[in-house]
Amino acid sequence: MKKVVVFIIALLFFSQVGCTKSIRYSEEEIKGFSPAIQEHIKSGEVVLGMIPQQVRYAWGSPDSLKILEPFEGKTREEWIYSTLGVVETKLLLFFDGKLIYMK
């Protein structure tokens, strides 16, 4: 029984270590963004109004990306981020190249 508990703890630890996000940008790549957006990216934060490139710099590529039917001729995308270890899913919706919804 003790070996099973140790194995589960080790598995949870390594699943979290594997999910550690590394820096996904260089200072050169983000220097054209506003200071506020640069700070959000550096902090790994995503805020409404960001463009897809900024979200990728902050969080990396989504686990799932769906191109939705255009609305009034404007593009729509749904991005999903999932975290292993602690089951958590973030849904992001982009409209016309801007983040308009997060859940």
PDB file of N, CA and C in Angstrom:
ATOM      1  N   MET A   1       0.826  -1.196   0.000  1.00  0.00           N
ATOM      2  CA  MET A   1       0.000   0.000   0.000  1.00  0.00           C
ATOM      3  C   MET A   1       0.866   1.255   0.000  1.00  0.00           C
ATOM      4  N   LYS A   2       1.940   1.226   0.807  1.00  0.00           N
ATOM      5  CA  LYS A   2       2.822   2.389   0.910  1.00  0.00           C
ATOM      6  C   LYS A   2       3.453   2.701  -0.449  1.00  0.00           C
ATOM      7  N   LYS A   3       3.823   1.664  -1.209  1.00  0.00           N
ATOM      8  CA  LYS A   3       4.427   1.868  -2.524  1.00  0.00           C
ATOM      9  C   LYS A   3       3.446   2.538  -3.482  1.00  0.00           C
ATOM     10  N   VAL A   4       2.174   2.188  -3.377  1.00  0.00           N
ATOM     11  CA  VAL A   4       1.145   2.778  -4.233  1.00  0.00           C
ATOM     12  C   VAL A   4       1.010   4.269  -3.935  1.00  0.00           C
ATOM     13  N   VAL A   5       1.000   4.632  -2.666  1.00  0.00           N
ATOM     14  CA  VAL A   5       0.879   6.035  -2.262  1.00  0.00           C
ATOM     15  C   VAL A   5       2.087   6.823  -2.759  1.00  0.00           C
ATOM     16  N   VAL A   6       3.288   6.280  -2.591  1.00  0.00           N
ATOM     17  CA  VAL A   6       4.504   6.950  -3.059  1.00  0.00           C
ATOM     18  C   VAL A   6       4.458   7.114  -4.572  1.00  0.00           C
ATOM     19  N   PHE A   7       4.008   6.084  -5.273  1.00  0.00           N
ATOM     20  CA  PHE A   7       3.911   6.154  -6.734  1.00  0.00           C
ATOM     21  C   PHE A   7       2.941   7.257  -7.166  1.00  0.00           C
ATOM     22  N   ILE A   8       1.795   7.339  -6.518  1.00  0.00           N
ATOM     23  CA  ILE A   8       0.792   8.358  -6.868  1.00  0.00           C
ATOM     24  C   ILE A   8       1.332   9.758  -6.598  1.00  0.00           C
ATOM     25  N   ILE A   9       1.997   9.939  -5.454  1.00  0.00           N
ATOM     26  CA  ILE A   9       2.577  11.246  -5.139  1.00  0.00           C
ATOM     27  C   ILE A   9       3.636  11.616  -6.175  1.00  0.00           C
ATOM     28  N   ALA A  10       4.488  10.668  -6.543  1.00  0.00           N
ATOM     29  CA  ALA A  10       5.520  10.931  -7.553  1.00  0.00           C
ATOM     30  C   ALA A  10       4.884  11.273  -8.896  1.00  0.00           C
ATOM     31  N   LEU A  11       3.845  10.555  -9.262  1.00  0.00           N
ATOM     32  CA  LEU A  11       3.150  10.807 -10.526  1.00  0.00           C
ATOM     33  C   LEU A  11       2.552  12.211 -10.544  1.00  0.00           C
ATOM     34  N   LEU A  12       1.913  12.613  -9.463  1.00  0.00           N
ATOM     35  CA  LEU A  12       1.346  13.958  -9.386  1.00  0.00           C
ATOM     36  C   LEU A  12       2.435  15.017  -9.446  1.00  0.00           C
ATOM     37  N   PHE A  13       3.545  14.785  -8.756  1.00  0.00           N
ATOM     38  CA  PHE A  13       4.656  15.742  -8.775  1.00  0.00           C
ATOM     39  C   PHE A  13       5.193  15.912 -10.186  1.00  0.00           C
ATOM     40  N   PHE A  14       5.473  14.806 -10.860  1.00  0.00           N
ATOM     41  CA  PHE A  14       6.048  14.903 -12.202  1.00  0.00           C
ATOM     42  C   PHE A  14       5.068  15.433 -13.222  1.00  0.00           C
ATOM     43  N   SER A  15       3.769  15.209 -13.010  1.00  0.00           N
ATOM     44  CA  SER A  15       2.795  15.790 -13.941  1.00  0.00           C
ATOM     45  C   SER A  15       2.778  17.300 -13.798  1.00  0.00           C
ATOM     46  N   GLN A  16       2.973  17.797 -12.571  1.00  0.00           N
ATOM     47  CA  GLN A  16       3.020  19.248 -12.360  1.00  0.00           C
ATOM     48  C   GLN A  16       4.312  19.838 -12.890  1.00  0.00           C
ATOM     49  N   VAL A  17       5.435  19.165 -12.693  1.00  0.00           N
ATOM     50  CA  VAL A  17       6.718  19.651 -13.205  1.00  0.00           C
ATOM     51  C   VAL A  17       6.675  19.701 -14.720  1.00  0.00           C
ATOM     52  N   GLY A  18       6.070  18.709 -15.338  1.00  0.00           N
ATOM     53  CA  GLY A  18       5.965  18.684 -16.794  1.00  0.00           C
ATOM     54  C   GLY A  18       5.114  19.809 -17.342  1.00  0.00           C
ATOM     55  N   CYS A  19       4.232  20.357 -16.516  1.00  0.00           N
ATOM     56  CA  CYS A  19       3.348  21.429 -16.955  1.00  0.00           C
ATOM     57  C   CYS A  19       3.939  22.810 -16.697  1.00  0.00           C
ATOM     58  N   THR A  20       5.121  22.847 -16.096  1.00  0.00           N
ATOM     59  CA  THR A  20       5.739  24.142 -15.835  1.00  0.00           C
ATOM     60  C   THR A  20       5.979  24.844 -17.159  1.00  0.00           C
ATOM     61  N   LYS A  21       5.544  26.069 -17.229  1.00  0.00           N
ATOM     62  CA  LYS A  21       5.659  26.814 -18.477  1.00  0.00           C
ATOM     63  C   LYS A  21       6.991  27.546 -18.519  1.00  0.00           C
ATOM     64  N   SER A  22       7.678  27.393 -19.629  1.00  0.00           N
ATOM     65  CA  SER A  22       8.921  28.115 -19.814  1.00  0.00           C
ATOM     66  C   SER A  22       8.615  29.422 -20.543  1.00  0.00           C
ATOM     67  N   ILE A  23       9.603  30.260 -20.642  1.00  0.00           N
ATOM     68  CA  ILE A  23       9.409  31.525 -21.350  1.00  0.00           C
ATOM     69  C   ILE A  23       9.198  31.215 -22.825  1.00  0.00           C
ATOM     70  N   ARG A  24       8.155  31.802 -23.403  1.00  0.00           N
ATOM     71  CA  ARG A  24       7.766  31.528 -24.782  1.00  0.00           C
ATOM     72  C   ARG A  24       8.018  32.717 -25.696  1.00  0.00           C
ATOM     73  N   TYR A  25       8.852  33.643 -25.283  1.00  0.00           N
ATOM     74  CA  TYR A  25       9.066  34.862 -26.053  1.00  0.00           C
ATOM     75  C   TYR A  25      10.426  35.434 -25.678  1.00  0.00           C
ATOM     76  N   SER A  26      10.891  36.350 -26.493  1.00  0.00           N
ATOM     77  CA  SER A  26      12.088  37.113 -26.144  1.00  0.00           C
ATOM     78  C   SER A  26      11.649  38.548 -25.894  1.00  0.00           C
ATOM     79  N   GLU A  27      12.488  39.305 -25.229  1.00  0.00           N
ATOM     80  CA  GLU A  27      12.181  40.718 -24.988  1.00  0.00           C
ATOM     81  C   GLU A  27      11.972  41.446 -26.319  1.00  0.00           C
ATOM     82  N   GLU A  28      12.726  41.049 -27.314  1.00  0.00           N
ATOM     83  CA  GLU A  28      12.621  41.666 -28.646  1.00  0.00           C
ATOM     84  C   GLU A  28      11.228  41.448 -29.237  1.00  0.00           C
ATOM     85  N   GLU A  29      10.678  40.255 -29.039  1.00  0.00           N
ATOM     86  CA  GLU A  29       9.372  39.927 -29.618  1.00  0.00           C
ATOM     87  C   GLU A  29       8.223  40.715 -28.993  1.00  0.00           C
ATOM     88  N   ILE A  30       8.335  41.076 -27.726  1.00  0.00           N
ATOM     89  CA  ILE A  30       7.211  41.743 -27.063  1.00  0.00           C
ATOM     90  C   ILE A  30       7.412  43.249 -26.907  1.00  0.00           C
ATOM     91  N   LYS A  31       8.550  43.763 -27.350  1.00  0.00           N
ATOM     92  CA  LYS A  31       8.837  45.182 -27.107  1.00  0.00           C
ATOM     93  C   LYS A  31       7.873  46.132 -27.812  1.00  0.00           C
ATOM     94  N   GLY A  32       7.190  45.696 -28.869  1.00  0.00           N
ATOM     95  CA  GLY A  32       6.252  46.557 -29.584  1.00  0.00           C
ATOM     96  C   GLY A  32       4.885  46.666 -28.923  1.00  0.00           C
ATOM     97  N   PHE A  33       4.634  45.841 -27.906  1.00  0.00           N
ATOM     98  CA  PHE A  33       3.356  45.888 -27.208  1.00  0.00           C
ATOM     99  C   PHE A  33       3.404  46.963 -26.123  1.00  0.00           C
ATOM    100  N   SER A  34       2.247  47.387 -25.676  1.00  0.00           N
ATOM    101  CA  SER A  34       2.184  48.399 -24.620  1.00  0.00           C
ATOM    102  C   SER A  34       2.867  47.850 -23.354  1.00  0.00           C
ATOM    103  N   PRO A  35       3.352  48.751 -22.496  1.00  0.00           N
ATOM    104  CA  PRO A  35       3.975  48.291 -21.243  1.00  0.00           C
ATOM    105  C   PRO A  35       3.046  47.401 -20.407  1.00  0.00           C
ATOM    106  N   ALA A  36       1.758  47.727 -20.383  1.00  0.00           N
ATOM    107  CA  ALA A  36       0.808  46.915 -19.608  1.00  0.00           C
ATOM    108  C   ALA A  36       0.721  45.497 -20.165  1.00  0.00           C
ATOM    109  N   ILE A  37       0.622  45.374 -21.484  1.00  0.00           N
ATOM    110  CA  ILE A  37       0.548  44.038 -22.103  1.00  0.00           C
ATOM    111  C   ILE A  37       1.847  43.278 -21.874  1.00  0.00           C
ATOM    112  N   GLN A  38       2.981  43.952 -21.969  1.00  0.00           N
ATOM    113  CA  GLN A  38       4.269  43.298 -21.704  1.00  0.00           C
ATOM    114  C   GLN A  38       4.292  42.722 -20.291  1.00  0.00           C
ATOM    115  N   GLU A  39       3.796  43.473 -19.324  1.00  0.00           N
ATOM    116  CA  GLU A  39       3.777  43.003 -17.935  1.00  0.00           C
ATOM    117  C   GLU A  39       2.848  41.800 -17.772  1.00  0.00           C
ATOM    118  N   HIS A  40       1.693  41.852 -18.431  1.00  0.00           N
ATOM    119  CA  HIS A  40       0.779  40.695 -18.377  1.00  0.00           C
ATOM    120  C   HIS A  40       1.459  39.458 -18.953  1.00  0.00           C
ATOM    121  N   ILE A  41       2.119  39.605 -20.085  1.00  0.00           N
ATOM    122  CA  ILE A  41       2.808  38.469 -20.716  1.00  0.00           C
ATOM    123  C   ILE A  41       3.877  37.932 -19.775  1.00  0.00           C
ATOM    124  N   LYS A  42       4.702  38.807 -19.229  1.00  0.00           N
ATOM    125  CA  LYS A  42       5.777  38.384 -18.320  1.00  0.00           C
ATOM    126  C   LYS A  42       5.229  37.678 -17.087  1.00  0.00           C
ATOM    127  N   SER A  43       4.039  38.079 -16.640  1.00  0.00           N
ATOM    128  CA  SER A  43       3.416  37.466 -15.457  1.00  0.00           C
ATOM    129  C   SER A  43       2.609  36.223 -15.802  1.00  0.00           C
ATOM    130  N   GLY A  44       2.524  35.890 -17.088  1.00  0.00           N
ATOM    131  CA  GLY A  44       1.726  34.732 -17.488  1.00  0.00           C
ATOM    132  C   GLY A  44       0.242  34.974 -17.353  1.00  0.00           C
ATOM    133  N   GLU A  45      -0.161  36.227 -17.480  1.00  0.00           N
ATOM    134  CA  GLU A  45      -1.572  36.594 -17.357  1.00  0.00           C
ATOM    135  C   GLU A  45      -2.170  36.883 -18.732  1.00  0.00           C
ATOM    136  N   VAL A  46      -3.420  36.509 -18.872  1.00  0.00           N
ATOM    137  CA  VAL A  46      -4.176  36.785 -20.096  1.00  0.00           C
ATOM    138  C   VAL A  46      -5.327  37.698 -19.719  1.00  0.00           C
ATOM    139  N   VAL A  47      -5.521  38.766 -20.511  1.00  0.00           N
ATOM    140  CA  VAL A  47      -6.597  39.722 -20.238  1.00  0.00           C
ATOM    141  C   VAL A  47      -7.390  39.978 -21.516  1.00  0.00           C
ATOM    142  N   LEU A  48      -8.639  40.379 -21.328  1.00  0.00           N
ATOM    143  CA  LEU A  48      -9.491  40.703 -22.465  1.00  0.00           C
ATOM    144  C   LEU A  48      -8.832  41.782 -23.319  1.00  0.00           C
ATOM    145  N   GLY A  49      -9.018  41.678 -24.628  1.00  0.00           N
ATOM    146  CA  GLY A  49      -8.446  42.644 -25.560  1.00  0.00           C
ATOM    147  C   GLY A  49      -7.132  42.191 -26.166  1.00  0.00           C
ATOM    148  N   MET A  50      -6.515  41.154 -25.588  1.00  0.00           N
ATOM    149  CA  MET A  50      -5.254  40.654 -26.152  1.00  0.00           C
ATOM    150  C   MET A  50      -5.509  40.043 -27.524  1.00  0.00           C
ATOM    151  N   ILE A  51      -4.483  40.067 -28.349  1.00  0.00           N
ATOM    152  CA  ILE A  51      -4.533  39.393 -29.646  1.00  0.00           C
ATOM    153  C   ILE A  51      -3.964  37.980 -29.463  1.00  0.00           C
ATOM    154  N   PRO A  52      -4.252  37.065 -30.390  1.00  0.00           N
ATOM    155  CA  PRO A  52      -3.776  35.687 -30.230  1.00  0.00           C
ATOM    156  C   PRO A  52      -2.268  35.566 -29.970  1.00  0.00           C
ATOM    157  N   GLN A  53      -1.465  36.343 -30.637  1.00  0.00           N
ATOM    158  CA  GLN A  53      -0.016  36.266 -30.445  1.00  0.00           C
ATOM    159  C   GLN A  53       0.359  36.591 -28.990  1.00  0.00           C
ATOM    160  N   GLN A  54      -0.285  37.568 -28.409  1.00  0.00           N
ATOM    161  CA  GLN A  54      -0.004  37.943 -27.018  1.00  0.00           C
ATOM    162  C   GLN A  54      -0.406  36.825 -26.060  1.00  0.00           C
ATOM    163  N   VAL A  55      -1.536  36.180 -26.330  1.00  0.00           N
ATOM    164  CA  VAL A  55      -1.986  35.069 -25.490  1.00  0.00           C
ATOM    165  C   VAL A  55      -0.995  33.914 -25.605  1.00  0.00           C
ATOM    166  N   ARG A  56      -0.516  33.622 -26.811  1.00  0.00           N
ATOM    167  CA  ARG A  56       0.483  32.563 -26.980  1.00  0.00           C
ATOM    168  C   ARG A  56       1.760  32.876 -26.210  1.00  0.00           C
ATOM    169  N   TYR A  57       2.171  34.132 -26.210  1.00  0.00           N
ATOM    170  CA  TYR A  57       3.364  34.505 -25.444  1.00  0.00           C
ATOM    171  C   TYR A  57       3.125  34.305 -23.949  1.00  0.00           C
ATOM    172  N   ALA A  58       1.933  34.600 -23.464  1.00  0.00           N
ATOM    173  CA  ALA A  58       1.624  34.482 -22.037  1.00  0.00           C
ATOM    174  C   ALA A  58       1.406  33.036 -21.604  1.00  0.00           C
ATOM    175  N   TRP A  59       0.661  32.269 -22.390  1.00  0.00           N
ATOM    176  CA  TRP A  59       0.264  30.918 -21.974  1.00  0.00           C
ATOM    177  C   TRP A  59       0.771  29.804 -22.871  1.00  0.00           C
ATOM    178  N   GLY A  60       1.357  30.122 -24.008  1.00  0.00           N
ATOM    179  CA  GLY A  60       1.746  29.077 -24.944  1.00  0.00           C
ATOM    180  C   GLY A  60       0.592  28.727 -25.868  1.00  0.00           C
ATOM    181  N   SER A  61       0.789  27.708 -26.656  1.00  0.00           N
ATOM    182  CA  SER A  61      -0.251  27.279 -27.603  1.00  0.00           C
ATOM    183  C   SER A  61      -1.396  26.604 -26.865  1.00  0.00           C
ATOM    184  N   PRO A  62      -2.618  26.780 -27.354  1.00  0.00           N
ATOM    185  CA  PRO A  62      -3.756  26.125 -26.697  1.00  0.00           C
ATOM    186  C   PRO A  62      -3.715  24.615 -26.929  1.00  0.00           C
ATOM    187  N   ASP A  63      -4.379  23.885 -26.061  1.00  0.00           N
ATOM    188  CA  ASP A  63      -4.483  22.437 -26.228  1.00  0.00           C
ATOM    189  C   ASP A  63      -5.451  22.096 -27.355  1.00  0.00           C
ATOM    190  N   SER A  64      -6.396  22.986 -27.574  1.00  0.00           N
ATOM    191  CA  SER A  64      -7.383  22.790 -28.634  1.00  0.00           C
ATOM    192  C   SER A  64      -7.726  24.152 -29.225  1.00  0.00           C
ATOM    193  N   LEU A  65      -7.841  24.194 -30.534  1.00  0.00           N
ATOM    194  CA  LEU A  65      -8.203  25.432 -31.222  1.00  0.00           C
ATOM    195  C   LEU A  65      -9.261  25.098 -32.261  1.00  0.00           C
ATOM    196  N   LYS A  66     -10.377  25.817 -32.200  1.00  0.00           N
ATOM    197  CA  LYS A  66     -11.467  25.577 -33.140  1.00  0.00           C
ATOM    198  C   LYS A  66     -11.788  26.883 -33.863  1.00  0.00           C
ATOM    199  N   ILE A  67     -11.788  26.839 -35.190  1.00  0.00           N
ATOM    200  CA  ILE A  67     -12.199  27.983 -35.991  1.00  0.00           C
ATOM    201  C   ILE A  67     -13.718  27.898 -36.126  1.00  0.00           C
ATOM    202  N   LEU A  68     -14.394  28.906 -35.619  1.00  0.00           N
ATOM    203  CA  LEU A  68     -15.856  28.922 -35.665  1.00  0.00           C
ATOM    204  C   LEU A  68     -16.342  29.633 -36.921  1.00  0.00           C
ATOM    205  N   GLU A  69     -17.628  29.472 -37.209  1.00  0.00           N
ATOM    206  CA  GLU A  69     -18.231  30.177 -38.344  1.00  0.00           C
ATOM    207  C   GLU A  69     -18.084  31.679 -38.134  1.00  0.00           C
ATOM    208  N   PRO A  70     -17.726  32.418 -39.179  1.00  0.00           N
ATOM    209  CA  PRO A  70     -17.634  33.881 -39.034  1.00  0.00           C
ATOM    210  C   PRO A  70     -18.989  34.460 -38.627  1.00  0.00           C
ATOM    211  N   PHE A  71     -18.941  35.573 -37.910  1.00  0.00           N
ATOM    212  CA  PHE A  71     -20.146  36.289 -37.528  1.00  0.00           C
ATOM    213  C   PHE A  71     -20.025  37.705 -38.079  1.00  0.00           C
ATOM    214  N   GLU A  72     -21.002  38.092 -38.864  1.00  0.00           N
ATOM    215  CA  GLU A  72     -20.990  39.398 -39.525  1.00  0.00           C
ATOM    216  C   GLU A  72     -19.679  39.633 -40.274  1.00  0.00           C
ATOM    217  N   GLY A  73     -19.183  38.550 -40.890  1.00  0.00           N
ATOM    218  CA  GLY A  73     -17.971  38.638 -41.707  1.00  0.00           C
ATOM    219  C   GLY A  73     -16.677  38.703 -40.915  1.00  0.00           C
ATOM    220  N   LYS A  74     -16.737  38.514 -39.595  1.00  0.00           N
ATOM    221  CA  LYS A  74     -15.539  38.608 -38.757  1.00  0.00           C
ATOM    222  C   LYS A  74     -15.169  37.235 -38.214  1.00  0.00           C
ATOM    223  N   THR A  75     -13.865  37.009 -38.087  1.00  0.00           N
ATOM    224  CA  THR A  75     -13.375  35.711 -37.639  1.00  0.00           C
ATOM    225  C   THR A  75     -13.706  35.458 -36.176  1.00  0.00           C
ATOM    226  N   ARG A  76     -13.887  34.166 -35.863  1.00  0.00           N
ATOM    227  CA  ARG A  76     -14.123  33.734 -34.487  1.00  0.00           C
ATOM    228  C   ARG A  76     -13.314  32.473 -34.235  1.00  0.00           C
ATOM    229  N   GLU A  77     -12.620  32.433 -33.097  1.00  0.00           N
ATOM    230  CA  GLU A  77     -11.845  31.259 -32.714  1.00  0.00           C
ATOM    231  C   GLU A  77     -12.118  30.934 -31.253  1.00  0.00           C
ATOM    232  N   GLU A  78     -12.134  29.644 -30.962  1.00  0.00           N
ATOM    233  CA  GLU A  78     -12.294  29.153 -29.598  1.00  0.00           C
ATOM    234  C   GLU A  78     -11.019  28.412 -29.220  1.00  0.00           C
ATOM    235  N   TRP A  79     -10.375  28.839 -28.154  1.00  0.00           N
ATOM    236  CA  TRP A  79      -9.157  28.195 -27.667  1.00  0.00           C
ATOM    237  C   TRP A  79      -9.452  27.558 -26.321  1.00  0.00           C
ATOM    238  N   ILE A  80      -8.897  26.366 -26.112  1.00  0.00           N
ATOM    239  CA  ILE A  80      -9.057  25.679 -24.840  1.00  0.00           C
ATOM    240  C   ILE A  80      -7.682  25.304 -24.291  1.00  0.00           C
ATOM    241  N   TYR A  81      -7.470  25.642 -23.032  1.00  0.00           N
ATOM    242  CA  TYR A  81      -6.271  25.270 -22.294  1.00  0.00           C
ATOM    243  C   TYR A  81      -6.683  24.326 -21.183  1.00  0.00           C
ATOM    244  N   SER A  82      -5.994  23.195 -21.075  1.00  0.00           N
ATOM    245  CA  SER A  82      -6.278  22.223 -20.020  1.00  0.00           C
ATOM    246  C   SER A  82      -5.020  22.033 -19.185  1.00  0.00           C
ATOM    247  N   THR A  83      -5.198  21.884 -17.879  1.00  0.00           N
ATOM    248  CA  THR A  83      -4.088  21.636 -16.974  1.00  0.00           C
ATOM    249  C   THR A  83      -4.226  20.230 -16.433  1.00  0.00           C
ATOM    250  N   LEU A  84      -3.167  19.446 -16.550  1.00  0.00           N
ATOM    251  CA  LEU A  84      -3.174  18.094 -16.005  1.00  0.00           C
ATOM    252  C   LEU A  84      -2.782  18.149 -14.533  1.00  0.00           C
ATOM    253  N   GLY A  85      -3.107  17.113 -13.822  1.00  0.00           N
ATOM    254  CA  GLY A  85      -2.799  17.088 -12.399  1.00  0.00           C
ATOM    255  C   GLY A  85      -3.972  17.650 -11.621  1.00  0.00           C
ATOM    256  N   VAL A  86      -4.246  18.906 -11.812  1.00  0.00           N
ATOM    257  CA  VAL A  86      -5.436  19.538 -11.254  1.00  0.00           C
ATOM    258  C   VAL A  86      -6.315  19.832 -12.454  1.00  0.00           C
ATOM    259  N   VAL A  87      -7.434  19.155 -12.544  1.00  0.00           N
ATOM    260  CA  VAL A  87      -8.270  19.283 -13.726  1.00  0.00           C
ATOM    261  C   VAL A  87      -8.837  20.694 -13.786  1.00  0.00           C
ATOM    262  N   GLU A  88      -8.355  21.451 -14.748  1.00  0.00           N
ATOM    263  CA  GLU A  88      -8.795  22.830 -14.927  1.00  0.00           C
ATOM    264  C   GLU A  88      -8.802  23.114 -16.419  1.00  0.00           C
ATOM    265  N   THR A  89      -9.856  23.715 -16.889  1.00  0.00           N
ATOM    266  CA  THR A  89      -9.970  24.057 -18.303  1.00  0.00           C
ATOM    267  C   THR A  89     -10.308  25.527 -18.434  1.00  0.00           C
ATOM    268  N   LYS A  90      -9.599  26.202 -19.302  1.00  0.00           N
ATOM    269  CA  LYS A  90      -9.869  27.612 -19.596  1.00  0.00           C
ATOM    270  C   LYS A  90     -10.356  27.695 -21.037  1.00  0.00           C
ATOM    271  N   LEU A  91     -11.450  28.399 -21.237  1.00  0.00           N
ATOM    272  CA  LEU A  91     -12.017  28.616 -22.561  1.00  0.00           C
ATOM    273  C   LEU A  91     -11.825  30.078 -22.922  1.00  0.00           C
ATOM    274  N   LEU A  92     -11.253  30.319 -24.089  1.00  0.00           N
ATOM    275  CA  LEU A  92     -11.050  31.679 -24.576  1.00  0.00           C
ATOM    276  C   LEU A  92     -11.749  31.822 -25.916  1.00  0.00           C
ATOM    277  N   LEU A  93     -12.384  32.957 -26.135  1.00  0.00           N
ATOM    278  CA  LEU A  93     -13.066  33.221 -27.401  1.00  0.00           C
ATOM    279  C   LEU A  93     -12.514  34.509 -27.999  1.00  0.00           C
ATOM    280  N   PHE A  94     -12.030  34.388 -29.239  1.00  0.00           N
ATOM    281  CA  PHE A  94     -11.517  35.536 -29.979  1.00  0.00           C
ATOM    282  C   PHE A  94     -12.540  35.938 -31.039  1.00  0.00           C
ATOM    283  N   PHE A  95     -12.740  37.225 -31.177  1.00  0.00           N
ATOM    284  CA  PHE A  95     -13.626  37.759 -32.202  1.00  0.00           C
ATOM    285  C   PHE A  95     -12.867  38.849 -32.937  1.00  0.00           C
ATOM    286  N   ASP A  96     -12.746  38.685 -34.235  1.00  0.00           N
ATOM    287  CA  ASP A  96     -12.048  39.659 -35.072  1.00  0.00           C
ATOM    288  C   ASP A  96     -10.634  39.921 -34.551  1.00  0.00           C
ATOM    289  N   GLY A  97      -9.967  38.853 -34.098  1.00  0.00           N
ATOM    290  CA  GLY A  97      -8.572  38.949 -33.684  1.00  0.00           C
ATOM    291  C   GLY A  97      -8.325  39.500 -32.293  1.00  0.00           C
ATOM    292  N   LYS A  98      -9.371  39.607 -31.466  1.00  0.00           N
ATOM    293  CA  LYS A  98      -9.219  40.110 -30.088  1.00  0.00           C
ATOM    294  C   LYS A  98      -9.906  39.164 -29.112  1.00  0.00           C
ATOM    295  N   LEU A  99      -9.301  38.990 -27.954  1.00  0.00           N
ATOM    296  CA  LEU A  99      -9.895  38.170 -26.916  1.00  0.00           C
ATOM    297  C   LEU A  99     -11.084  38.908 -26.306  1.00  0.00           C
ATOM    298  N   ILE A 100     -12.273  38.279 -26.410  1.00  0.00           N
ATOM    299  CA  ILE A 100     -13.488  38.945 -25.912  1.00  0.00           C
ATOM    300  C   ILE A 100     -14.142  38.208 -24.750  1.00  0.00           C
ATOM    301  N   TYR A 101     -13.720  36.932 -24.510  1.00  0.00           N
ATOM    302  CA  TYR A 101     -14.378  36.148 -23.478  1.00  0.00           C
ATOM    303  C   TYR A 101     -13.394  35.127 -22.908  1.00  0.00           C
ATOM    304  N   MET A 102     -13.419  34.968 -21.578  1.00  0.00           N
ATOM    305  CA  MET A 102     -12.616  33.948 -20.897  1.00  0.00           C
ATOM    306  C   MET A 102     -13.465  33.308 -19.815  1.00  0.00           C
ATOM    307  N   LYS A 103     -13.347  31.994 -19.699  1.00  0.00           N
ATOM    308  CA  LYS A 103     -14.063  31.295 -18.628  1.00  0.00           C
ATOM    309  C   LYS A 103     -13.165  30.209 -18.089  1.00  0.00           C
TER     310      LYS A 103
END
